[in-house]
Protein backbone atom coordinates (compact mmCIF):
# COMPACT_ATOMS: atom_id res chain seq x y z
CA MET A 1 42.54 110.11 95.53
CA ALA A 2 41.35 113.47 96.81
CA ASP A 3 38.46 115.13 95.01
CA THR A 4 40.59 118.23 94.45
CA GLN A 5 43.37 116.36 92.64
CA GLN A 6 43.31 116.90 88.89
CA LEU A 7 44.61 114.59 86.19
CA GLU A 8 46.54 115.68 83.13
CA PRO A 9 44.20 116.75 80.29
CA LYS A 10 44.72 113.53 78.29
CA ALA A 11 44.18 111.38 81.39
CA GLU A 12 41.08 113.42 82.25
CA ARG A 13 39.64 112.73 78.77
CA THR A 14 40.41 109.03 79.15
CA ALA A 15 38.67 108.97 82.55
CA ALA A 16 35.65 110.78 81.08
CA ARG A 17 35.46 108.29 78.18
CA LEU A 18 35.64 105.34 80.57
CA ALA A 19 33.01 106.96 82.81
CA ARG A 20 30.65 107.18 79.80
CA GLN A 21 31.24 103.48 79.05
CA ILE A 22 30.63 102.56 82.70
CA GLY A 23 27.51 104.75 82.78
CA GLY A 24 26.22 103.12 79.60
CA PHE A 25 26.71 99.68 81.11
CA ALA A 26 24.95 100.74 84.32
CA LYS A 27 22.04 102.22 82.39
CA ALA A 28 21.65 99.09 80.26
CA HIS A 29 21.71 96.78 83.29
CA GLY A 30 19.61 98.63 85.87
CA GLY A 31 22.62 99.97 87.75
CA ALA A 32 26.08 98.62 88.41
CA GLU A 33 28.73 98.02 91.01
CA GLY A 34 32.40 97.49 90.37
CA GLN A 35 35.83 96.56 91.57
CA ILE A 36 39.18 97.88 90.36
CA ALA A 37 42.00 95.37 89.94
CA TYR A 38 45.62 96.47 89.55
CA LEU A 39 47.28 94.92 86.49
CA GLY A 40 50.80 96.21 87.03
CA GLN A 41 52.33 98.21 84.18
CA ARG A 42 49.32 97.40 81.99
CA GLY A 43 47.05 99.55 84.17
CA ALA A 44 43.81 98.55 85.84
CA ARG A 45 40.75 96.45 85.09
CA ILE A 46 37.38 97.75 86.19
CA VAL A 47 35.06 94.77 86.60
CA LEU A 48 31.39 95.77 86.40
CA VAL A 49 28.42 93.79 87.71
CA GLY A 50 24.97 94.95 86.65
CA GLU A 51 21.90 94.74 88.86
CA ASP A 52 20.54 92.15 86.41
CA GLY A 53 23.59 89.90 86.95
CA ASP A 54 25.33 90.63 83.65
CA TRP A 55 28.97 91.56 83.94
CA GLY A 56 31.68 93.14 81.89
CA ASP A 57 34.89 95.05 82.22
CA VAL A 58 36.79 98.03 80.93
CA PHE A 59 40.51 98.71 81.12
CA ALA A 60 42.25 101.89 82.24
CA PRO A 61 45.90 102.78 81.69
CA SER A 62 46.40 103.45 85.44
CA MET A 63 44.77 102.98 88.84
CA GLU A 64 44.45 106.76 89.12
CA ILE A 65 42.45 107.00 85.88
CA ALA A 66 40.33 103.98 86.85
CA GLY A 67 39.50 105.60 90.20
CA LYS A 68 38.56 108.88 88.54
CA ALA A 69 36.40 107.05 85.97
CA VAL A 70 34.33 105.18 88.56
CA GLU A 71 34.04 108.36 90.60
CA LYS A 72 32.68 110.25 87.57
CA ALA A 73 30.33 107.35 86.72
CA GLY A 74 28.97 107.37 90.26
CA ILE A 75 28.96 103.61 90.82
CA THR A 76 29.63 101.76 94.06
CA VAL A 77 33.16 100.38 94.09
CA HIS A 78 34.09 97.39 96.23
CA GLU A 79 37.53 96.90 97.75
CA ASN A 80 37.55 93.22 96.71
CA PHE A 81 35.60 90.99 94.35
CA ASP A 82 34.19 89.21 97.38
CA GLY A 83 31.30 86.82 97.90
CA ALA A 84 28.62 89.52 98.04
CA LEU A 85 29.62 91.01 94.69
CA ALA A 86 30.43 87.66 93.08
CA ALA A 87 27.02 86.30 94.13
CA LYS A 88 25.35 88.92 91.93
CA VAL A 89 27.09 87.64 88.77
CA ARG A 90 24.92 85.56 86.49
CA THR A 91 26.91 83.05 84.48
CA GLY A 92 25.68 81.53 81.26
CA PRO A 93 26.50 78.48 79.14
CA TYR A 94 29.62 80.08 77.68
CA GLU A 95 31.19 80.64 81.10
CA TRP A 96 30.33 77.13 82.29
CA LYS A 97 31.80 75.55 79.17
CA ARG A 98 34.89 77.72 79.46
CA MET A 99 35.38 76.81 83.13
CA ALA A 100 34.93 73.12 82.34
CA GLY A 101 37.43 73.39 79.49
CA ILE A 102 40.02 74.94 81.79
CA GLN A 103 39.56 72.10 84.27
CA LEU A 104 39.96 69.53 81.50
CA GLY A 105 43.02 71.20 80.05
CA GLY A 106 41.15 72.81 77.12
């Protein structure tokens, strides 16, 4: 998306709100990187990985709004959730139990 392209006013407000949420996450976790995943008609998921290894996500109604939000937040965005980004994620007991439950049919 070109820097000169403008969103509709409502979409611009949504992007600004998401950018504040992303910025808050980054501030709380010593910085952040992200990746935008297309979810079809549902929009886009912005997966955030903090410098401390914590992770989270926010959802945008479109890829365009997600792109504008991460641009406004000023975080590094990766094309894919590849090994380098995934290696930064710190998983805790909840995630390990959840993954084990999925494997066991739970």
